[in-house]
Amino acid sequence: MPVKGKKIKIFKISIHCKVCNQLLYVYQKEGPGLLVKCYADRIIEDHTNGDLKCPSCGQLFARHAIMHCRPVHKIIQGKVYIKGHVKK
């Protein structure tokens, strides 16, 4: 939850499969830090079949979950890499 008086930076990042370099998502991320989960309503472009598997190599890269009453894709660490993100 944002703190009053502080602005949250929003980054546009691309999420790729680590095995075959296939583009999976273009995602709108809030704030710096590691990518742990993707809120489904913040995914700008979805290049998967909706089953959370890479369309090229078939590797499972995330799991379905509900957090804060919103559907999320919990990223399995080490299965994806991101581009266009400022780490802090």
PDB file of N, CA and C in Angstrom:
ATOM      1  N   MET A   1       0.845  -1.172   0.000  1.00  0.00           N
ATOM      2  CA  MET A   1       0.000   0.000   0.000  1.00  0.00           C
ATOM      3  C   MET A   1       0.889   1.232   0.000  1.00  0.00           C
ATOM      4  N   PRO A   2       0.596   2.202  -0.877  1.00  0.00           N
ATOM      5  CA  PRO A   2       1.442   3.380  -0.958  1.00  0.00           C
ATOM      6  C   PRO A   2       1.360   4.243   0.305  1.00  0.00           C
ATOM      7  N   VAL A   3       2.479   4.812   0.668  1.00  0.00           N
ATOM      8  CA  VAL A   3       2.554   5.702   1.810  1.00  0.00           C
ATOM      9  C   VAL A   3       2.181   7.092   1.342  1.00  0.00           C
ATOM     10  N   LYS A   4       1.437   7.821   2.153  1.00  0.00           N
ATOM     11  CA  LYS A   4       0.978   9.154   1.781  1.00  0.00           C
ATOM     12  C   LYS A   4       2.181  10.063   1.535  1.00  0.00           C
ATOM     13  N   GLY A   5       2.182  10.740   0.397  1.00  0.00           N
ATOM     14  CA  GLY A   5       3.252  11.654   0.056  1.00  0.00           C
ATOM     15  C   GLY A   5       4.381  11.033  -0.743  1.00  0.00           C
ATOM     16  N   LYS A   6       4.394   9.710  -0.899  1.00  0.00           N
ATOM     17  CA  LYS A   6       5.440   9.041  -1.673  1.00  0.00           C
ATOM     18  C   LYS A   6       4.858   8.554  -2.988  1.00  0.00           C
ATOM     19  N   LYS A   7       5.639   8.716  -4.051  1.00  0.00           N
ATOM     20  CA  LYS A   7       5.209   8.248  -5.363  1.00  0.00           C
ATOM     21  C   LYS A   7       5.852   6.896  -5.653  1.00  0.00           C
ATOM     22  N   ILE A   8       5.078   6.007  -6.233  1.00  0.00           N
ATOM     23  CA  ILE A   8       5.578   4.699  -6.624  1.00  0.00           C
ATOM     24  C   ILE A   8       5.900   4.746  -8.108  1.00  0.00           C
ATOM     25  N   LYS A   9       7.117   4.333  -8.453  1.00  0.00           N
ATOM     26  CA  LYS A   9       7.510   4.306  -9.851  1.00  0.00           C
ATOM     27  C   LYS A   9       6.952   3.049 -10.500  1.00  0.00           C
ATOM     28  N   ILE A  10       6.476   3.200 -11.729  1.00  0.00           N
ATOM     29  CA  ILE A  10       5.921   2.083 -12.480  1.00  0.00           C
ATOM     30  C   ILE A  10       6.854   1.809 -13.657  1.00  0.00           C
ATOM     31  N   PHE A  11       7.283   0.562 -13.777  1.00  0.00           N
ATOM     32  CA  PHE A  11       8.197   0.147 -14.829  1.00  0.00           C
ATOM     33  C   PHE A  11       7.470  -0.776 -15.799  1.00  0.00           C
ATOM     34  N   LYS A  12       7.810  -0.661 -17.076  1.00  0.00           N
ATOM     35  CA  LYS A  12       7.320  -1.606 -18.075  1.00  0.00           C
ATOM     36  C   LYS A  12       8.456  -2.581 -18.328  1.00  0.00           C
ATOM     37  N   ILE A  13       8.234  -3.849 -18.008  1.00  0.00           N
ATOM     38  CA  ILE A  13       9.284  -4.858 -18.147  1.00  0.00           C
ATOM     39  C   ILE A  13       8.811  -5.979 -19.067  1.00  0.00           C
ATOM     40  N   SER A  14       9.768  -6.688 -19.618  1.00  0.00           N
ATOM     41  CA  SER A  14       9.444  -7.878 -20.401  1.00  0.00           C
ATOM     42  C   SER A  14       9.995  -9.087 -19.658  1.00  0.00           C
ATOM     43  N   ILE A  15       9.195 -10.134 -19.580  1.00  0.00           N
ATOM     44  CA  ILE A  15       9.538 -11.347 -18.857  1.00  0.00           C
ATOM     45  C   ILE A  15       9.788 -12.450 -19.884  1.00  0.00           C
ATOM     46  N   HIS A  16      10.978 -13.069 -19.800  1.00  0.00           N
ATOM     47  CA  HIS A  16      11.410 -14.072 -20.772  1.00  0.00           C
ATOM     48  C   HIS A  16      11.692 -15.400 -20.087  1.00  0.00           C
ATOM     49  N   CYS A  17      11.532 -16.485 -20.833  1.00  0.00           N
ATOM     50  CA  CYS A  17      11.896 -17.818 -20.360  1.00  0.00           C
ATOM     51  C   CYS A  17      13.416 -17.915 -20.295  1.00  0.00           C
ATOM     52  N   LYS A  18      13.928 -18.450 -19.205  1.00  0.00           N
ATOM     53  CA  LYS A  18      15.377 -18.543 -19.031  1.00  0.00           C
ATOM     54  C   LYS A  18      15.995 -19.653 -19.882  1.00  0.00           C
ATOM     55  N   VAL A  19      15.225 -20.669 -20.237  1.00  0.00           N
ATOM     56  CA  VAL A  19      15.750 -21.793 -21.010  1.00  0.00           C
ATOM     57  C   VAL A  19      15.863 -21.451 -22.494  1.00  0.00           C
ATOM     58  N   CYS A  20      14.788 -20.905 -23.078  1.00  0.00           N
ATOM     59  CA  CYS A  20      14.762 -20.709 -24.529  1.00  0.00           C
ATOM     60  C   CYS A  20      14.653 -19.245 -24.964  1.00  0.00           C
ATOM     61  N   ASN A  21      14.656 -18.306 -24.019  1.00  0.00           N
ATOM     62  CA  ASN A  21      14.608 -16.864 -24.289  1.00  0.00           C
ATOM     63  C   ASN A  21      13.310 -16.398 -24.950  1.00  0.00           C
ATOM     64  N   GLN A  22      12.243 -17.170 -24.857  1.00  0.00           N
ATOM     65  CA  GLN A  22      10.940 -16.813 -25.424  1.00  0.00           C
ATOM     66  C   GLN A  22      10.300 -15.700 -24.577  1.00  0.00           C
ATOM     67  N   LEU A  23       9.738 -14.684 -25.234  1.00  0.00           N
ATOM     68  CA  LEU A  23       9.017 -13.624 -24.526  1.00  0.00           C
ATOM     69  C   LEU A  23       7.709 -14.191 -23.989  1.00  0.00           C
ATOM     70  N   LEU A  24       7.489 -14.053 -22.677  1.00  0.00           N
ATOM     71  CA  LEU A  24       6.280 -14.572 -22.042  1.00  0.00           C
ATOM     72  C   LEU A  24       5.266 -13.462 -21.791  1.00  0.00           C
ATOM     73  N   TYR A  25       5.688 -12.399 -21.112  1.00  0.00           N
ATOM     74  CA  TYR A  25       4.799 -11.292 -20.760  1.00  0.00           C
ATOM     75  C   TYR A  25       5.481  -9.965 -20.999  1.00  0.00           C
ATOM     76  N   VAL A  26       4.675  -8.946 -21.244  1.00  0.00           N
ATOM     77  CA  VAL A  26       5.067  -7.555 -21.047  1.00  0.00           C
ATOM     78  C   VAL A  26       4.206  -7.113 -19.878  1.00  0.00           C
ATOM     79  N   TYR A  27       4.857  -6.646 -18.802  1.00  0.00           N
ATOM     80  CA  TYR A  27       4.201  -6.447 -17.513  1.00  0.00           C
ATOM     81  C   TYR A  27       4.476  -5.049 -16.986  1.00  0.00           C
ATOM     82  N   GLN A  28       3.512  -4.502 -16.281  1.00  0.00           N
ATOM     83  CA  GLN A  28       3.630  -3.182 -15.660  1.00  0.00           C
ATOM     84  C   GLN A  28       3.917  -3.397 -14.176  1.00  0.00           C
ATOM     85  N   LYS A  29       5.185  -3.215 -13.768  1.00  0.00           N
ATOM     86  CA  LYS A  29       5.621  -3.480 -12.399  1.00  0.00           C
ATOM     87  C   LYS A  29       5.685  -2.198 -11.588  1.00  0.00           C
ATOM     88  N   GLU A  30       5.282  -2.286 -10.333  1.00  0.00           N
ATOM     89  CA  GLU A  30       5.353  -1.148  -9.424  1.00  0.00           C
ATOM     90  C   GLU A  30       6.604  -1.253  -8.570  1.00  0.00           C
ATOM     91  N   GLY A  31       7.383  -0.207  -8.527  1.00  0.00           N
ATOM     92  CA  GLY A  31       8.517  -0.108  -7.622  1.00  0.00           C
ATOM     93  C   GLY A  31       9.686  -1.006  -7.963  1.00  0.00           C
ATOM     94  N   PRO A  32      10.823  -0.735  -7.316  1.00  0.00           N
ATOM     95  CA  PRO A  32      12.017  -1.540  -7.538  1.00  0.00           C
ATOM     96  C   PRO A  32      11.935  -2.855  -6.755  1.00  0.00           C
ATOM     97  N   GLY A  33      12.831  -3.751  -7.052  1.00  0.00           N
ATOM     98  CA  GLY A  33      12.876  -5.011  -6.322  1.00  0.00           C
ATOM     99  C   GLY A  33      12.722  -6.199  -7.235  1.00  0.00           C
ATOM    100  N   LEU A  34      12.783  -7.358  -6.634  1.00  0.00           N
ATOM    101  CA  LEU A  34      12.683  -8.601  -7.384  1.00  0.00           C
ATOM    102  C   LEU A  34      11.259  -8.847  -7.849  1.00  0.00           C
ATOM    103  N   LEU A  35      11.123  -9.619  -8.913  1.00  0.00           N
ATOM    104  CA  LEU A  35       9.814 -10.011  -9.411  1.00  0.00           C
ATOM    105  C   LEU A  35       9.412 -11.301  -8.719  1.00  0.00           C
ATOM    106  N   VAL A  36       8.406 -11.233  -7.864  1.00  0.00           N
ATOM    107  CA  VAL A  36       7.938 -12.391  -7.109  1.00  0.00           C
ATOM    108  C   VAL A  36       6.598 -12.860  -7.637  1.00  0.00           C
ATOM    109  N   LYS A  37       5.735 -11.903  -7.959  1.00  0.00           N
ATOM    110  CA  LYS A  37       4.399 -12.237  -8.454  1.00  0.00           C
ATOM    111  C   LYS A  37       3.983 -11.241  -9.514  1.00  0.00           C
ATOM    112  N   CYS A  38       3.112 -11.675 -10.403  1.00  0.00           N
ATOM    113  CA  CYS A  38       2.538 -10.818 -11.437  1.00  0.00           C
ATOM    114  C   CYS A  38       1.035 -10.776 -11.231  1.00  0.00           C
ATOM    115  N   TYR A  39       0.496  -9.601 -10.975  1.00  0.00           N
ATOM    116  CA  TYR A  39      -0.953  -9.455 -10.911  1.00  0.00           C
ATOM    117  C   TYR A  39      -1.502  -9.600 -12.328  1.00  0.00           C
ATOM    118  N   ALA A  40      -2.535 -10.392 -12.479  1.00  0.00           N
ATOM    119  CA  ALA A  40      -3.080 -10.700 -13.801  1.00  0.00           C
ATOM    120  C   ALA A  40      -3.603  -9.457 -14.514  1.00  0.00           C
ATOM    121  N   ASP A  41      -4.109  -8.480 -13.760  1.00  0.00           N
ATOM    122  CA  ASP A  41      -4.658  -7.283 -14.400  1.00  0.00           C
ATOM    123  C   ASP A  41      -3.574  -6.281 -14.818  1.00  0.00           C
ATOM    124  N   ARG A  42      -2.309  -6.522 -14.474  1.00  0.00           N
ATOM    125  CA  ARG A  42      -1.209  -5.634 -14.858  1.00  0.00           C
ATOM    126  C   ARG A  42      -0.408  -6.187 -16.037  1.00  0.00           C
ATOM    127  N   ILE A  43      -0.795  -7.339 -16.561  1.00  0.00           N
ATOM    128  CA  ILE A  43      -0.114  -7.911 -17.726  1.00  0.00           C
ATOM    129  C   ILE A  43      -0.606  -7.172 -18.962  1.00  0.00           C
ATOM    130  N   ILE A  44       0.326  -6.541 -19.673  1.00  0.00           N
ATOM    131  CA  ILE A  44      -0.020  -5.751 -20.855  1.00  0.00           C
ATOM    132  C   ILE A  44      -0.158  -6.651 -22.076  1.00  0.00           C
ATOM    133  N   GLU A  45       0.835  -7.512 -22.292  1.00  0.00           N
ATOM    134  CA  GLU A  45       0.817  -8.461 -23.408  1.00  0.00           C
ATOM    135  C   GLU A  45       1.114  -9.853 -22.864  1.00  0.00           C
ATOM    136  N   ASP A  46       0.277 -10.809 -23.212  1.00  0.00           N
ATOM    137  CA  ASP A  46       0.463 -12.196 -22.778  1.00  0.00           C
ATOM    138  C   ASP A  46       0.773 -13.041 -24.008  1.00  0.00           C
ATOM    139  N   HIS A  47       1.982 -13.591 -24.074  1.00  0.00           N
ATOM    140  CA  HIS A  47       2.405 -14.416 -25.206  1.00  0.00           C
ATOM    141  C   HIS A  47       2.358 -15.903 -24.874  1.00  0.00           C
ATOM    142  N   THR A  48       1.685 -16.264 -23.769  1.00  0.00           N
ATOM    143  CA  THR A  48       1.536 -17.665 -23.393  1.00  0.00           C
ATOM    144  C   THR A  48       0.138 -18.133 -23.777  1.00  0.00           C
ATOM    145  N   ASN A  49      -0.132 -19.400 -23.553  1.00  0.00           N
ATOM    146  CA  ASN A  49      -1.455 -19.958 -23.825  1.00  0.00           C
ATOM    147  C   ASN A  49      -2.376 -19.852 -22.618  1.00  0.00           C
ATOM    148  N   GLY A  50      -1.931 -19.180 -21.563  1.00  0.00           N
ATOM    149  CA  GLY A  50      -2.733 -19.036 -20.361  1.00  0.00           C
ATOM    150  C   GLY A  50      -2.547 -20.156 -19.358  1.00  0.00           C
ATOM    151  N   ASP A  51      -1.691 -21.118 -19.659  1.00  0.00           N
ATOM    152  CA  ASP A  51      -1.480 -22.254 -18.755  1.00  0.00           C
ATOM    153  C   ASP A  51      -0.214 -22.121 -17.915  1.00  0.00           C
ATOM    154  N   LEU A  52       0.439 -20.953 -17.953  1.00  0.00           N
ATOM    155  CA  LEU A  52       1.648 -20.643 -17.191  1.00  0.00           C
ATOM    156  C   LEU A  52       2.820 -21.544 -17.566  1.00  0.00           C
ATOM    157  N   LYS A  53       2.850 -21.965 -18.816  1.00  0.00           N
ATOM    158  CA  LYS A  53       3.969 -22.731 -19.369  1.00  0.00           C
ATOM    159  C   LYS A  53       4.512 -21.965 -20.564  1.00  0.00           C
ATOM    160  N   CYS A  54       5.810 -22.089 -20.780  1.00  0.00           N
ATOM    161  CA  CYS A  54       6.435 -21.461 -21.936  1.00  0.00           C
ATOM    162  C   CYS A  54       5.878 -22.098 -23.212  1.00  0.00           C
ATOM    163  N   PRO A  55       5.416 -21.293 -24.175  1.00  0.00           N
ATOM    164  CA  PRO A  55       4.868 -21.878 -25.398  1.00  0.00           C
ATOM    165  C   PRO A  55       5.929 -22.552 -26.268  1.00  0.00           C
ATOM    166  N   SER A  56       7.189 -22.207 -26.080  1.00  0.00           N
ATOM    167  CA  SER A  56       8.255 -22.766 -26.900  1.00  0.00           C
ATOM    168  C   SER A  56       8.796 -24.083 -26.340  1.00  0.00           C
ATOM    169  N   CYS A  57       9.203 -24.076 -25.058  1.00  0.00           N
ATOM    170  CA  CYS A  57       9.834 -25.277 -24.484  1.00  0.00           C
ATOM    171  C   CYS A  57       8.928 -26.036 -23.510  1.00  0.00           C
ATOM    172  N   GLY A  58       7.806 -25.472 -23.106  1.00  0.00           N
ATOM    173  CA  GLY A  58       6.860 -26.164 -22.235  1.00  0.00           C
ATOM    174  C   GLY A  58       7.190 -26.134 -20.756  1.00  0.00           C
ATOM    175  N   GLN A  59       8.175 -25.341 -20.351  1.00  0.00           N
ATOM    176  CA  GLN A  59       8.574 -25.269 -18.941  1.00  0.00           C
ATOM    177  C   GLN A  59       7.544 -24.483 -18.117  1.00  0.00           C
ATOM    178  N   LEU A  60       7.167 -25.004 -16.970  1.00  0.00           N
ATOM    179  CA  LEU A  60       6.269 -24.321 -16.051  1.00  0.00           C
ATOM    180  C   LEU A  60       7.048 -23.199 -15.364  1.00  0.00           C
ATOM    181  N   PHE A  61       6.572 -21.936 -15.473  1.00  0.00           N
ATOM    182  CA  PHE A  61       7.313 -20.819 -14.906  1.00  0.00           C
ATOM    183  C   PHE A  61       6.580 -20.092 -13.788  1.00  0.00           C
ATOM    184  N   ALA A  62       5.314 -20.416 -13.523  1.00  0.00           N
ATOM    185  CA  ALA A  62       4.555 -19.731 -12.474  1.00  0.00           C
ATOM    186  C   ALA A  62       3.410 -20.620 -12.002  1.00  0.00           C
ATOM    187  N   ARG A  63       2.791 -20.212 -10.875  1.00  0.00           N
ATOM    188  CA  ARG A  63       1.623 -20.909 -10.313  1.00  0.00           C
ATOM    189  C   ARG A  63       0.505 -19.906 -10.089  1.00  0.00           C
ATOM    190  N   HIS A  64      -0.742 -20.380 -10.225  1.00  0.00           N
ATOM    191  CA  HIS A  64      -1.906 -19.530  -9.949  1.00  0.00           C
ATOM    192  C   HIS A  64      -2.082 -19.357  -8.448  1.00  0.00           C
ATOM    193  N   ALA A  65      -2.498 -18.163  -8.018  1.00  0.00           N
ATOM    194  CA  ALA A  65      -2.792 -17.896  -6.610  1.00  0.00           C
ATOM    195  C   ALA A  65      -3.714 -16.683  -6.533  1.00  0.00           C
ATOM    196  N   ILE A  66      -4.251 -16.444  -5.345  1.00  0.00           N
ATOM    197  CA  ILE A  66      -5.062 -15.261  -5.058  1.00  0.00           C
ATOM    198  C   ILE A  66      -4.386 -14.513  -3.918  1.00  0.00           C
ATOM    199  N   MET A  67      -4.073 -13.234  -4.130  1.00  0.00           N
ATOM    200  CA  MET A  67      -3.484 -12.399  -3.090  1.00  0.00           C
ATOM    201  C   MET A  67      -4.193 -11.054  -3.102  1.00  0.00           C
ATOM    202  N   HIS A  68      -4.563 -10.577  -1.936  1.00  0.00           N
ATOM    203  CA  HIS A  68      -5.259  -9.294  -1.792  1.00  0.00           C
ATOM    204  C   HIS A  68      -6.517  -9.262  -2.664  1.00  0.00           C
ATOM    205  N   CYS A  69      -7.217 -10.390  -2.730  1.00  0.00           N
ATOM    206  CA  CYS A  69      -8.459 -10.553  -3.501  1.00  0.00           C
ATOM    207  C   CYS A  69      -8.261 -10.340  -5.001  1.00  0.00           C
ATOM    208  N   ARG A  70      -7.058 -10.559  -5.488  1.00  0.00           N
ATOM    209  CA  ARG A  70      -6.751 -10.419  -6.912  1.00  0.00           C
ATOM    210  C   ARG A  70      -6.006 -11.663  -7.386  1.00  0.00           C
ATOM    211  N   PRO A  71      -6.280 -12.135  -8.610  1.00  0.00           N
ATOM    212  CA  PRO A  71      -5.535 -13.280  -9.136  1.00  0.00           C
ATOM    213  C   PRO A  71      -4.099 -12.883  -9.470  1.00  0.00           C
ATOM    214  N   VAL A  72      -3.156 -13.727  -9.082  1.00  0.00           N
ATOM    215  CA  VAL A  72      -1.741 -13.480  -9.351  1.00  0.00           C
ATOM    216  C   VAL A  72      -1.097 -14.731  -9.938  1.00  0.00           C
ATOM    217  N   HIS A  73       0.025 -14.512 -10.598  1.00  0.00           N
ATOM    218  CA  HIS A  73       0.870 -15.594 -11.076  1.00  0.00           C
ATOM    219  C   HIS A  73       2.139 -15.518 -10.249  1.00  0.00           C
ATOM    220  N   LYS A  74       2.337 -16.479  -9.354  1.00  0.00           N
ATOM    221  CA  LYS A  74       3.534 -16.508  -8.513  1.00  0.00           C
ATOM    222  C   LYS A  74       4.674 -17.100  -9.326  1.00  0.00           C
ATOM    223  N   ILE A  75       5.693 -16.301  -9.544  1.00  0.00           N
ATOM    224  CA  ILE A  75       6.814 -16.687 -10.393  1.00  0.00           C
ATOM    225  C   ILE A  75       7.707 -17.687  -9.661  1.00  0.00           C
ATOM    226  N   ILE A  76       8.086 -18.766 -10.335  1.00  0.00           N
ATOM    227  CA  ILE A  76       9.037 -19.732  -9.796  1.00  0.00           C
ATOM    228  C   ILE A  76      10.426 -19.164 -10.074  1.00  0.00           C
ATOM    229  N   GLN A  77      11.159 -18.842  -9.008  1.00  0.00           N
ATOM    230  CA  GLN A  77      12.460 -18.202  -9.145  1.00  0.00           C
ATOM    231  C   GLN A  77      13.432 -19.096  -9.912  1.00  0.00           C
ATOM    232  N   GLY A  78      14.190 -18.469 -10.822  1.00  0.00           N
ATOM    233  CA  GLY A  78      15.157 -19.190 -11.631  1.00  0.00           C
ATOM    234  C   GLY A  78      14.603 -19.680 -12.958  1.00  0.00           C
ATOM    235  N   LYS A  79      13.309 -19.521 -13.191  1.00  0.00           N
ATOM    236  CA  LYS A  79      12.701 -19.986 -14.440  1.00  0.00           C
ATOM    237  C   LYS A  79      12.574 -18.868 -15.470  1.00  0.00           C
ATOM    238  N   VAL A  80      12.611 -17.605 -15.028  1.00  0.00           N
ATOM    239  CA  VAL A  80      12.448 -16.469 -15.931  1.00  0.00           C
ATOM    240  C   VAL A  80      13.543 -15.443 -15.671  1.00  0.00           C
ATOM    241  N   TYR A  81      13.733 -14.547 -16.636  1.00  0.00           N
ATOM    242  CA  TYR A  81      14.552 -13.363 -16.424  1.00  0.00           C
ATOM    243  C   TYR A  81      13.809 -12.177 -17.010  1.00  0.00           C
ATOM    244  N   ILE A  82      14.164 -10.975 -16.557  1.00  0.00           N
ATOM    245  CA  ILE A  82      13.433  -9.787 -16.970  1.00  0.00           C
ATOM    246  C   ILE A  82      14.378  -8.786 -17.635  1.00  0.00           C
ATOM    247  N   LYS A  83      13.800  -7.957 -18.484  1.00  0.00           N
ATOM    248  CA  LYS A  83      14.524  -6.868 -19.134  1.00  0.00           C
ATOM    249  C   LYS A  83      13.736  -5.582 -18.896  1.00  0.00           C
ATOM    250  N   GLY A  84      14.462  -4.481 -18.746  1.00  0.00           N
ATOM    251  CA  GLY A  84      13.820  -3.178 -18.607  1.00  0.00           C
ATOM    252  C   GLY A  84      13.456  -2.839 -17.189  1.00  0.00           C
ATOM    253  N   HIS A  85      14.184  -3.385 -16.222  1.00  0.00           N
ATOM    254  CA  HIS A  85      13.845  -3.195 -14.804  1.00  0.00           C
ATOM    255  C   HIS A  85      15.031  -2.585 -14.076  1.00  0.00           C
ATOM    256  N   VAL A  86      14.755  -1.603 -13.222  1.00  0.00           N
ATOM    257  CA  VAL A  86      15.792  -0.977 -12.418  1.00  0.00           C
ATOM    258  C   VAL A  86      15.788  -1.632 -11.055  1.00  0.00           C
ATOM    259  N   LYS A  87      16.892  -2.288 -10.670  1.00  0.00           N
ATOM    260  CA  LYS A  87      16.979  -2.940  -9.373  1.00  0.00           C
ATOM    261  C   LYS A  87      17.522  -1.958  -8.351  1.00  0.00           C
ATOM    262  N   LYS A  88      17.129  -2.143  -7.109  1.00  0.00           N
ATOM    263  CA  LYS A  88      17.589  -1.272  -6.037  1.00  0.00           C
ATOM    264  C   LYS A  88      18.314  -2.052  -4.999  1.00  0.00           C
TER     265      LYS A  88
END
